[in-house]
Amino acid sequence: AQSRVSGTINLDDPQSALAALAAVRGARIVTVPLLGNIILAS
């Protein structure tokens, strides 16, 4: 959560933007009904 981000994020496809940010950090996204996206670190 506290890792730093640099650059401009494209928000046209927010789910893909989130997935790309997570992947760069070796994290994965688990989607839970009602709650949404839980981002888990490797």
PDB file of all heavy atoms in Angstrom:
ATOM      1  N   ALA A   1       0.820  -1.209   0.000  1.00  0.00           N
ATOM      2  CA  ALA A   1       0.000   0.000   0.000  1.00  0.00           C
ATOM      3  C   ALA A   1       0.855   1.261   0.000  1.00  0.00           C
ATOM      4  O   ALA A   1       0.499   2.262  -0.626  1.00  0.00           O
ATOM      5  CB  ALA A   1      -0.937  -0.007   1.204  1.00  0.00           C
ATOM      6  N   GLN A   2       2.003   1.229   0.687  1.00  0.00           N
ATOM      7  CA  GLN A   2       2.846   2.412   0.815  1.00  0.00           C
ATOM      8  C   GLN A   2       3.928   2.525  -0.258  1.00  0.00           C
ATOM      9  O   GLN A   2       4.693   3.493  -0.258  1.00  0.00           O
ATOM     10  CB  GLN A   2       3.506   2.424   2.202  1.00  0.00           C
ATOM     11  CG  GLN A   2       2.513   2.563   3.348  1.00  0.00           C
ATOM     12  CD  GLN A   2       1.616   3.783   3.194  1.00  0.00           C
ATOM     13  OE1 GLN A   2       2.103   4.894   2.959  1.00  0.00           O
ATOM     14  NE2 GLN A   2       0.315   3.588   3.317  1.00  0.00           N
ATOM     15  N   SER A   3       4.017   1.559  -1.174  1.00  0.00           N
ATOM     16  CA  SER A   3       5.002   1.649  -2.258  1.00  0.00           C
ATOM     17  C   SER A   3       4.674   2.838  -3.161  1.00  0.00           C
ATOM     18  O   SER A   3       3.510   3.195  -3.345  1.00  0.00           O
ATOM     19  CB  SER A   3       5.024   0.348  -3.070  1.00  0.00           C
ATOM     20  OG  SER A   3       3.771   0.105  -3.689  1.00  0.00           O
ATOM     21  N   ARG A   4       5.695   3.459  -3.720  1.00  0.00           N
ATOM     22  CA  ARG A   4       5.511   4.694  -4.486  1.00  0.00           C
ATOM     23  C   ARG A   4       5.220   4.418  -5.953  1.00  0.00           C
ATOM     24  O   ARG A   4       5.708   3.455  -6.540  1.00  0.00           O
ATOM     25  CB  ARG A   4       6.757   5.567  -4.366  1.00  0.00           C
ATOM     26  CG  ARG A   4       7.017   6.071  -2.953  1.00  0.00           C
ATOM     27  CD  ARG A   4       6.004   7.114  -2.545  1.00  0.00           C
ATOM     28  NE  ARG A   4       6.094   7.453  -1.129  1.00  0.00           N
ATOM     29  CZ  ARG A   4       5.390   8.416  -0.550  1.00  0.00           C
ATOM     30  NH1 ARG A   4       4.554   9.144  -1.267  1.00  0.00           N
ATOM     31  NH2 ARG A   4       5.521   8.655   0.745  1.00  0.00           N
ATOM     32  N   VAL A   5       4.418   5.317  -6.528  1.00  0.00           N
ATOM     33  CA  VAL A   5       4.024   5.207  -7.933  1.00  0.00           C
ATOM     34  C   VAL A   5       4.497   6.457  -8.666  1.00  0.00           C
ATOM     35  O   VAL A   5       4.385   7.570  -8.145  1.00  0.00           O
ATOM     36  CB  VAL A   5       2.493   5.071  -8.071  1.00  0.00           C
ATOM     37  CG1 VAL A   5       2.085   5.026  -9.540  1.00  0.00           C
ATOM     38  CG2 VAL A   5       1.998   3.824  -7.351  1.00  0.00           C
ATOM     39  N   SER A   6       5.021   6.287  -9.872  1.00  0.00           N
ATOM     40  CA  SER A   6       5.439   7.411 -10.705  1.00  0.00           C
ATOM     41  C   SER A   6       4.819   7.271 -12.087  1.00  0.00           C
ATOM     42  O   SER A   6       4.647   6.162 -12.599  1.00  0.00           O
ATOM     43  CB  SER A   6       6.962   7.473 -10.829  1.00  0.00           C
ATOM     44  OG  SER A   6       7.565   7.730  -9.568  1.00  0.00           O
ATOM     45  N   GLY A   7       4.492   8.406 -12.696  1.00  0.00           N
ATOM     46  CA  GLY A   7       3.963   8.381 -14.053  1.00  0.00           C
ATOM     47  C   GLY A   7       2.501   8.779 -14.109  1.00  0.00           C
ATOM     48  O   GLY A   7       1.862   9.078 -13.102  1.00  0.00           O
ATOM     49  N   THR A   8       1.976   8.787 -15.314  1.00  0.00           N
ATOM     50  CA  THR A   8       0.584   9.145 -15.559  1.00  0.00           C
ATOM     51  C   THR A   8      -0.236   7.888 -15.806  1.00  0.00           C
ATOM     52  O   THR A   8       0.131   7.046 -16.628  1.00  0.00           O
ATOM     53  CB  THR A   8       0.465  10.092 -16.766  1.00  0.00           C
ATOM     54  OG1 THR A   8       1.234  11.280 -16.501  1.00  0.00           O
ATOM     55  CG2 THR A   8      -0.981  10.475 -17.020  1.00  0.00           C
ATOM     56  N   ILE A   9      -1.338   7.754 -15.100  1.00  0.00           N
ATOM     57  CA  ILE A   9      -2.194   6.575 -15.187  1.00  0.00           C
ATOM     58  C   ILE A   9      -3.337   6.850 -16.153  1.00  0.00           C
ATOM     59  O   ILE A   9      -4.000   7.891 -16.084  1.00  0.00           O
ATOM     60  CB  ILE A   9      -2.776   6.220 -13.800  1.00  0.00           C
ATOM     61  CG1 ILE A   9      -1.676   6.174 -12.749  1.00  0.00           C
ATOM     62  CG2 ILE A   9      -3.553   4.907 -13.870  1.00  0.00           C
ATOM     63  CD1 ILE A   9      -0.601   5.166 -13.016  1.00  0.00           C
ATOM     64  N   ASN A  10      -3.576   5.916 -17.071  1.00  0.00           N
ATOM     65  CA  ASN A  10      -4.704   6.013 -18.000  1.00  0.00           C
ATOM     66  C   ASN A  10      -5.932   5.424 -17.328  1.00  0.00           C
ATOM     67  O   ASN A  10      -5.953   4.248 -16.955  1.00  0.00           O
ATOM     68  CB  ASN A  10      -4.379   5.261 -19.296  1.00  0.00           C
ATOM     69  CG  ASN A  10      -5.422   5.504 -20.371  1.00  0.00           C
ATOM     70  OD1 ASN A  10      -6.594   5.754 -20.090  1.00  0.00           O
ATOM     71  ND2 ASN A  10      -5.014   5.427 -21.629  1.00  0.00           N
ATOM     72  N   LEU A  11      -6.985   6.238 -17.167  1.00  0.00           N
ATOM     73  CA  LEU A  11      -8.183   5.810 -16.459  1.00  0.00           C
ATOM     74  C   LEU A  11      -9.317   5.382 -17.388  1.00  0.00           C
ATOM     75  O   LEU A  11     -10.434   5.140 -16.923  1.00  0.00           O
ATOM     76  CB  LEU A  11      -8.679   6.949 -15.551  1.00  0.00           C
ATOM     77  CG  LEU A  11      -7.703   7.403 -14.457  1.00  0.00           C
ATOM     78  CD1 LEU A  11      -8.266   8.617 -13.733  1.00  0.00           C
ATOM     79  CD2 LEU A  11      -7.418   6.278 -13.480  1.00  0.00           C
ATOM     80  N   ASP A  12      -9.039   5.283 -18.695  1.00  0.00           N
ATOM     81  CA  ASP A  12     -10.084   4.843 -19.631  1.00  0.00           C
ATOM     82  C   ASP A  12     -10.602   3.461 -19.262  1.00  0.00           C
ATOM     83  O   ASP A  12     -11.791   3.179 -19.384  1.00  0.00           O
ATOM     84  CB  ASP A  12      -9.554   4.830 -21.073  1.00  0.00           C
ATOM     85  CG  ASP A  12      -9.433   6.233 -21.647  1.00  0.00           C
ATOM     86  OD1 ASP A  12     -10.302   7.075 -21.321  1.00  0.00           O
ATOM     87  OD2 ASP A  12      -8.489   6.483 -22.410  1.00  0.00           O
ATOM     88  N   ASP A  13      -9.695   2.580 -18.842  1.00  0.00           N
ATOM     89  CA  ASP A  13     -10.050   1.225 -18.409  1.00  0.00           C
ATOM     90  C   ASP A  13      -9.506   1.040 -17.000  1.00  0.00           C
ATOM     91  O   ASP A  13      -8.391   0.558 -16.815  1.00  0.00           O
ATOM     92  CB  ASP A  13      -9.452   0.183 -19.365  1.00  0.00           C
ATOM     93  CG  ASP A  13      -9.903  -1.236 -19.046  1.00  0.00           C
ATOM     94  OD1 ASP A  13     -10.424  -1.467 -17.931  1.00  0.00           O
ATOM     95  OD2 ASP A  13      -9.715  -2.122 -19.904  1.00  0.00           O
ATOM     96  N   PRO A  14     -10.258   1.442 -15.970  1.00  0.00           N
ATOM     97  CA  PRO A  14      -9.724   1.439 -14.599  1.00  0.00           C
ATOM     98  C   PRO A  14      -9.329   0.059 -14.097  1.00  0.00           C
ATOM     99  O   PRO A  14      -8.349  -0.063 -13.360  1.00  0.00           O
ATOM    100  CB  PRO A  14     -10.874   2.029 -13.776  1.00  0.00           C
ATOM    101  CG  PRO A  14     -12.086   1.887 -14.615  1.00  0.00           C
ATOM    102  CD  PRO A  14     -11.624   1.981 -16.026  1.00  0.00           C
ATOM    103  N   GLN A  15     -10.044  -0.973 -14.489  1.00  0.00           N
ATOM    104  CA  GLN A  15      -9.700  -2.319 -14.023  1.00  0.00           C
ATOM    105  C   GLN A  15      -8.338  -2.740 -14.575  1.00  0.00           C
ATOM    106  O   GLN A  15      -7.516  -3.317 -13.853  1.00  0.00           O
ATOM    107  CB  GLN A  15     -10.765  -3.323 -14.449  1.00  0.00           C
ATOM    108  CG  GLN A  15     -10.624  -4.705 -13.819  1.00  0.00           C
ATOM    109  CD  GLN A  15     -10.893  -4.714 -12.319  1.00  0.00           C
ATOM    110  OE1 GLN A  15     -11.848  -4.108 -11.853  1.00  0.00           O
ATOM    111  NE2 GLN A  15     -10.045  -5.384 -11.554  1.00  0.00           N
ATOM    112  N   SER A  16      -8.089  -2.437 -15.848  1.00  0.00           N
ATOM    113  CA  SER A  16      -6.796  -2.771 -16.453  1.00  0.00           C
ATOM    114  C   SER A  16      -5.679  -1.932 -15.831  1.00  0.00           C
ATOM    115  O   SER A  16      -4.561  -2.424 -15.628  1.00  0.00           O
ATOM    116  CB  SER A  16      -6.851  -2.536 -17.966  1.00  0.00           C
ATOM    117  OG  SER A  16      -7.751  -3.434 -18.577  1.00  0.00           O
ATOM    118  N   ALA A  17      -5.967  -0.667 -15.532  1.00  0.00           N
ATOM    119  CA  ALA A  17      -4.962   0.200 -14.898  1.00  0.00           C
ATOM    120  C   ALA A  17      -4.579  -0.355 -13.534  1.00  0.00           C
ATOM    121  O   ALA A  17      -3.395  -0.403 -13.171  1.00  0.00           O
ATOM    122  CB  ALA A  17      -5.506   1.620 -14.764  1.00  0.00           C
ATOM    123  N   LEU A  18      -5.551  -0.815 -12.785  1.00  0.00           N
ATOM    124  CA  LEU A  18      -5.286  -1.393 -11.468  1.00  0.00           C
ATOM    125  C   LEU A  18      -4.476  -2.672 -11.592  1.00  0.00           C
ATOM    126  O   LEU A  18      -3.514  -2.893 -10.848  1.00  0.00           O
ATOM    127  CB  LEU A  18      -6.608  -1.680 -10.752  1.00  0.00           C
ATOM    128  CG  LEU A  18      -6.505  -2.243  -9.340  1.00  0.00           C
ATOM    129  CD1 LEU A  18      -5.834  -1.241  -8.410  1.00  0.00           C
ATOM    130  CD2 LEU A  18      -7.891  -2.611  -8.819  1.00  0.00           C
ATOM    131  N   ALA A  19      -4.856  -3.514 -12.543  1.00  0.00           N
ATOM    132  CA  ALA A  19      -4.144  -4.772 -12.746  1.00  0.00           C
ATOM    133  C   ALA A  19      -2.693  -4.525 -13.136  1.00  0.00           C
ATOM    134  O   ALA A  19      -1.781  -5.229 -12.674  1.00  0.00           O
ATOM    135  CB  ALA A  19      -4.850  -5.603 -13.812  1.00  0.00           C
ATOM    136  N   ALA A  20      -2.450  -3.532 -13.983  1.00  0.00           N
ATOM    137  CA  ALA A  20      -1.084  -3.220 -14.414  1.00  0.00           C
ATOM    138  C   ALA A  20      -0.242  -2.720 -13.242  1.00  0.00           C
ATOM    139  O   ALA A  20       0.913  -3.120 -13.078  1.00  0.00           O
ATOM    140  CB  ALA A  20      -1.119  -2.171 -15.532  1.00  0.00           C
ATOM    141  N   LEU A  21      -0.807  -1.846 -12.418  1.00  0.00           N
ATOM    142  CA  LEU A  21      -0.082  -1.346 -11.253  1.00  0.00           C
ATOM    143  C   LEU A  21       0.257  -2.466 -10.278  1.00  0.00           C
ATOM    144  O   LEU A  21       1.347  -2.507  -9.705  1.00  0.00           O
ATOM    145  CB  LEU A  21      -0.924  -0.287 -10.533  1.00  0.00           C
ATOM    146  CG  LEU A  21      -0.995   1.102 -11.183  1.00  0.00           C
ATOM    147  CD1 LEU A  21      -2.000   1.964 -10.449  1.00  0.00           C
ATOM    148  CD2 LEU A  21       0.371   1.769 -11.197  1.00  0.00           C
ATOM    149  N   ALA A  22      -0.680  -3.390 -10.101  1.00  0.00           N
ATOM    150  CA  ALA A  22      -0.444  -4.519  -9.200  1.00  0.00           C
ATOM    151  C   ALA A  22       0.624  -5.448  -9.768  1.00  0.00           C
ATOM    152  O   ALA A  22       1.520  -5.910  -9.045  1.00  0.00           O
ATOM    153  CB  ALA A  22      -1.744  -5.276  -8.967  1.00  0.00           C
ATOM    154  N   ALA A  23       0.544  -5.723 -11.070  1.00  0.00           N
ATOM    155  CA  ALA A  23       1.475  -6.666 -11.701  1.00  0.00           C
ATOM    156  C   ALA A  23       2.910  -6.181 -11.620  1.00  0.00           C
ATOM    157  O   ALA A  23       3.835  -6.973 -11.391  1.00  0.00           O
ATOM    158  CB  ALA A  23       1.068  -6.890 -13.158  1.00  0.00           C
ATOM    159  N   VAL A  24       3.116  -4.875 -11.769  1.00  0.00           N
ATOM    160  CA  VAL A  24       4.467  -4.315 -11.687  1.00  0.00           C
ATOM    161  C   VAL A  24       5.084  -4.595 -10.322  1.00  0.00           C
ATOM    162  O   VAL A  24       6.308  -4.754 -10.192  1.00  0.00           O
ATOM    163  CB  VAL A  24       4.426  -2.798 -11.961  1.00  0.00           C
ATOM    164  CG1 VAL A  24       5.735  -2.132 -11.578  1.00  0.00           C
ATOM    165  CG2 VAL A  24       4.107  -2.535 -13.433  1.00  0.00           C
ATOM    166  N   ARG A  25       4.245  -4.711  -9.315  1.00  0.00           N
ATOM    167  CA  ARG A  25       4.715  -4.951  -7.942  1.00  0.00           C
ATOM    168  C   ARG A  25       4.630  -6.416  -7.536  1.00  0.00           C
ATOM    169  O   ARG A  25       4.760  -6.752  -6.357  1.00  0.00           O
ATOM    170  CB  ARG A  25       3.899  -4.081  -6.974  1.00  0.00           C
ATOM    171  CG  ARG A  25       4.264  -2.619  -7.100  1.00  0.00           C
ATOM    172  CD  ARG A  25       3.170  -1.677  -6.657  1.00  0.00           C
ATOM    173  NE  ARG A  25       3.635  -0.299  -6.836  1.00  0.00           N
ATOM    174  CZ  ARG A  25       3.669   0.297  -8.030  1.00  0.00           C
ATOM    175  NH1 ARG A  25       3.247  -0.323  -9.110  1.00  0.00           N
ATOM    176  NH2 ARG A  25       4.123   1.534  -8.134  1.00  0.00           N
ATOM    177  N   GLY A  26       4.389  -7.276  -8.514  1.00  0.00           N
ATOM    178  CA  GLY A  26       4.314  -8.702  -8.231  1.00  0.00           C
ATOM    179  C   GLY A  26       3.091  -9.097  -7.437  1.00  0.00           C
ATOM    180  O   GLY A  26       3.078 -10.145  -6.772  1.00  0.00           O
ATOM    181  N   ALA A  27       2.063  -8.258  -7.466  1.00  0.00           N
ATOM    182  CA  ALA A  27       0.840  -8.532  -6.710  1.00  0.00           C
ATOM    183  C   ALA A  27      -0.241  -9.065  -7.648  1.00  0.00           C
ATOM    184  O   ALA A  27      -0.158  -8.921  -8.870  1.00  0.00           O
ATOM    185  CB  ALA A  27       0.357  -7.278  -6.008  1.00  0.00           C
ATOM    186  N   ARG A  28      -1.234  -9.692  -7.074  1.00  0.00           N
ATOM    187  CA  ARG A  28      -2.354 -10.200  -7.861  1.00  0.00           C
ATOM    188  C   ARG A  28      -3.669  -9.712  -7.268  1.00  0.00           C
ATOM    189  O   ARG A  28      -3.751  -9.352  -6.088  1.00  0.00           O
ATOM    190  CB  ARG A  28      -2.353 -11.733  -7.900  1.00  0.00           C
ATOM    191  CG  ARG A  28      -2.467 -12.403  -6.555  1.00  0.00           C
ATOM    192  CD  ARG A  28      -2.198 -13.899  -6.659  1.00  0.00           C
ATOM    193  NE  ARG A  28      -2.276 -14.564  -5.359  1.00  0.00           N
ATOM    194  CZ  ARG A  28      -3.380 -15.102  -4.869  1.00  0.00           C
ATOM    195  NH1 ARG A  28      -4.502 -15.073  -5.592  1.00  0.00           N
ATOM    196  NH2 ARG A  28      -3.387 -15.687  -3.680  1.00  0.00           N
ATOM    197  N   ILE A  29      -4.699  -9.688  -8.113  1.00  0.00           N
ATOM    198  CA  ILE A  29      -6.006  -9.185  -7.702  1.00  0.00           C
ATOM    199  C   ILE A  29      -6.985 -10.341  -7.578  1.00  0.00           C
ATOM    200  O   ILE A  29      -7.117 -11.163  -8.488  1.00  0.00           O
ATOM    201  CB  ILE A  29      -6.543  -8.155  -8.713  1.00  0.00           C
ATOM    202  CG1 ILE A  29      -5.591  -6.949  -8.797  1.00  0.00           C
ATOM    203  CG2 ILE A  29      -7.948  -7.712  -8.337  1.00  0.00           C
ATOM    204  CD1 ILE A  29      -5.985  -5.943  -9.846  1.00  0.00           C
ATOM    205  N   VAL A  30      -7.668 -10.394  -6.446  1.00  0.00           N
ATOM    206  CA  VAL A  30      -8.738 -11.366  -6.234  1.00  0.00           C
ATOM    207  C   VAL A  30     -10.037 -10.577  -6.125  1.00  0.00           C
ATOM    208  O   VAL A  30     -10.155  -9.667  -5.298  1.00  0.00           O
ATOM    209  CB  VAL A  30      -8.517 -12.194  -4.952  1.00  0.00           C
ATOM    210  CG1 VAL A  30      -9.696 -13.129  -4.714  1.00  0.00           C
ATOM    211  CG2 VAL A  30      -7.221 -12.979  -5.053  1.00  0.00           C
ATOM    212  N   THR A  31     -11.008 -10.882  -6.968  1.00  0.00           N
ATOM    213  CA  THR A  31     -12.287 -10.184  -6.944  1.00  0.00           C
ATOM    214  C   THR A  31     -13.285 -10.970  -6.105  1.00  0.00           C
ATOM    215  O   THR A  31     -13.530 -12.149  -6.356  1.00  0.00           O
ATOM    216  CB  THR A  31     -12.844  -9.995  -8.364  1.00  0.00           C
ATOM    217  OG1 THR A  31     -11.894  -9.256  -9.148  1.00  0.00           O
ATOM    218  CG2 THR A  31     -14.157  -9.235  -8.338  1.00  0.00           C
ATOM    219  N   VAL A  32     -13.830 -10.306  -5.092  1.00  0.00           N
ATOM    220  CA  VAL A  32     -14.771 -10.942  -4.171  1.00  0.00           C
ATOM    221  C   VAL A  32     -16.144 -10.312  -4.364  1.00  0.00           C
ATOM    222  O   VAL A  32     -16.267  -9.079  -4.341  1.00  0.00           O
ATOM    223  CB  VAL A  32     -14.308 -10.751  -2.707  1.00  0.00           C
ATOM    224  CG1 VAL A  32     -15.315 -11.372  -1.739  1.00  0.00           C
ATOM    225  CG2 VAL A  32     -12.930 -11.357  -2.514  1.00  0.00           C
ATOM    226  N   PRO A  33     -17.188 -11.114  -4.560  1.00  0.00           N
ATOM    227  CA  PRO A  33     -18.532 -10.557  -4.721  1.00  0.00           C
ATOM    228  C   PRO A  33     -18.897  -9.637  -3.568  1.00  0.00           C
ATOM    229  O   PRO A  33     -18.591  -9.914  -2.407  1.00  0.00           O
ATOM    230  CB  PRO A  33     -19.429 -11.812  -4.740  1.00  0.00           C
ATOM    231  CG  PRO A  33     -18.537 -12.892  -5.255  1.00  0.00           C
ATOM    232  CD  PRO A  33     -17.171 -12.582  -4.686  1.00  0.00           C
ATOM    233  N   LEU A  34     -19.545  -8.515  -3.876  1.00  0.00           N
ATOM    234  CA  LEU A  34     -19.982  -7.484  -2.930  1.00  0.00           C
ATOM    235  C   LEU A  34     -18.845  -6.598  -2.439  1.00  0.00           C
ATOM    236  O   LEU A  34     -19.027  -5.400  -2.280  1.00  0.00           O
ATOM    237  CB  LEU A  34     -20.716  -8.091  -1.722  1.00  0.00           C
ATOM    238  CG  LEU A  34     -22.012  -8.833  -2.030  1.00  0.00           C
ATOM    239  CD1 LEU A  34     -22.630  -9.360  -0.731  1.00  0.00           C
ATOM    240  CD2 LEU A  34     -23.014  -7.923  -2.747  1.00  0.00           C
ATOM    241  N   LEU A  35     -17.668  -7.147  -2.181  1.00  0.00           N
ATOM    242  CA  LEU A  35     -16.555  -6.335  -1.676  1.00  0.00           C
ATOM    243  C   LEU A  35     -15.796  -5.655  -2.809  1.00  0.00           C
ATOM    244  O   LEU A  35     -15.518  -4.466  -2.749  1.00  0.00           O
ATOM    245  CB  LEU A  35     -15.612  -7.180  -0.832  1.00  0.00           C
ATOM    246  CG  LEU A  35     -16.108  -7.573   0.556  1.00  0.00           C
ATOM    247  CD1 LEU A  35     -15.054  -8.370   1.297  1.00  0.00           C
ATOM    248  CD2 LEU A  35     -16.502  -6.329   1.364  1.00  0.00           C
ATOM    249  N   GLY A  36     -15.402  -6.411  -3.850  1.00  0.00           N
ATOM    250  CA  GLY A  36     -14.649  -5.826  -4.950  1.00  0.00           C
ATOM    251  C   GLY A  36     -13.284  -6.452  -5.099  1.00  0.00           C
ATOM    252  O   GLY A  36     -13.135  -7.679  -4.980  1.00  0.00           O
ATOM    253  N   ASN A  37     -12.268  -5.628  -5.335  1.00  0.00           N
ATOM    254  CA  ASN A  37     -10.916  -6.107  -5.622  1.00  0.00           C
ATOM    255  C   ASN A  37     -10.049  -6.110  -4.379  1.00  0.00           C
ATOM    256  O   ASN A  37      -9.852  -5.085  -3.729  1.00  0.00           O
ATOM    257  CB  ASN A  37     -10.256  -5.207  -6.683  1.00  0.00           C
ATOM    258  CG  ASN A  37     -10.980  -5.270  -8.010  1.00  0.00           C
ATOM    259  OD1 ASN A  37     -11.001  -6.295  -8.672  1.00  0.00           O
ATOM    260  ND2 ASN A  37     -11.583  -4.162  -8.403  1.00  0.00           N
ATOM    261  N   ILE A  38      -9.510  -7.281  -4.046  1.00  0.00           N
ATOM    262  CA  ILE A  38      -8.534  -7.404  -2.971  1.00  0.00           C
ATOM    263  C   ILE A  38      -7.184  -7.631  -3.617  1.00  0.00           C
ATOM    264  O   ILE A  38      -7.000  -8.597  -4.383  1.00  0.00           O
ATOM    265  CB  ILE A  38      -8.883  -8.563  -2.018  1.00  0.00           C
ATOM    266  CG1 ILE A  38     -10.284  -8.335  -1.405  1.00  0.00           C
ATOM    267  CG2 ILE A  38      -7.856  -8.670  -0.907  1.00  0.00           C
ATOM    268  CD1 ILE A  38     -10.737  -9.445  -0.496  1.00  0.00           C
ATOM    269  N   ILE A  39      -6.214  -6.764  -3.344  1.00  0.00           N
ATOM    270  CA  ILE A  39      -4.899  -6.863  -3.970  1.00  0.00           C
ATOM    271  C   ILE A  39      -3.943  -7.546  -3.004  1.00  0.00           C
ATOM    272  O   ILE A  39      -3.673  -7.020  -1.918  1.00  0.00           O
ATOM    273  CB  ILE A  39      -4.378  -5.468  -4.376  1.00  0.00           C
ATOM    274  CG1 ILE A  39      -5.394  -4.796  -5.300  1.00  0.00           C
ATOM    275  CG2 ILE A  39      -3.036  -5.573  -5.055  1.00  0.00           C
ATOM    276  CD1 ILE A  39      -5.017  -3.392  -5.714  1.00  0.00           C
ATOM    277  N   LEU A  40      -3.438  -8.684  -3.397  1.00  0.00           N
ATOM    278  CA  LEU A  40      -2.599  -9.499  -2.538  1.00  0.00           C
ATOM    279  C   LEU A  40      -1.154  -9.442  -3.005  1.00  0.00           C
ATOM    280  O   LEU A  40      -0.862  -9.627  -4.193  1.00  0.00           O
ATOM    281  CB  LEU A  40      -3.084 -10.951  -2.533  1.00  0.00           C
ATOM    282  CG  LEU A  40      -4.530 -11.154  -2.077  1.00  0.00           C
ATOM    283  CD1 LEU A  40      -4.915 -12.615  -2.212  1.00  0.00           C
ATOM    284  CD2 LEU A  40      -4.714 -10.691  -0.645  1.00  0.00           C
ATOM    285  N   ALA A  41      -0.241  -9.175  -2.085  1.00  0.00           N
ATOM    286  CA  ALA A  41       1.182  -9.150  -2.404  1.00  0.00           C
ATOM    287  C   ALA A  41       1.709 -10.553  -2.485  1.00  0.00           C
ATOM    288  O   ALA A  41       1.257 -11.465  -1.767  1.00  0.00           O
ATOM    289  CB  ALA A  41       1.942  -8.355  -1.353  1.00  0.00           C
ATOM    290  N   SER A  42       2.684 -10.773  -3.361  1.00  0.00           N
ATOM    291  CA  SER A  42       3.324 -12.089  -3.474  1.00  0.00           C
ATOM    292  C   SER A  42       4.176 -12.347  -2.252  1.00  0.00           C
ATOM    293  O   SER A  42       4.770 -11.439  -1.664  1.00  0.00           O
ATOM    294  CB  SER A  42       4.195 -12.154  -4.725  1.00  0.00           C
ATOM    295  OG  SER A  42       3.426 -11.941  -5.876  1.00  0.00           O
TER     296      SER A  42
END
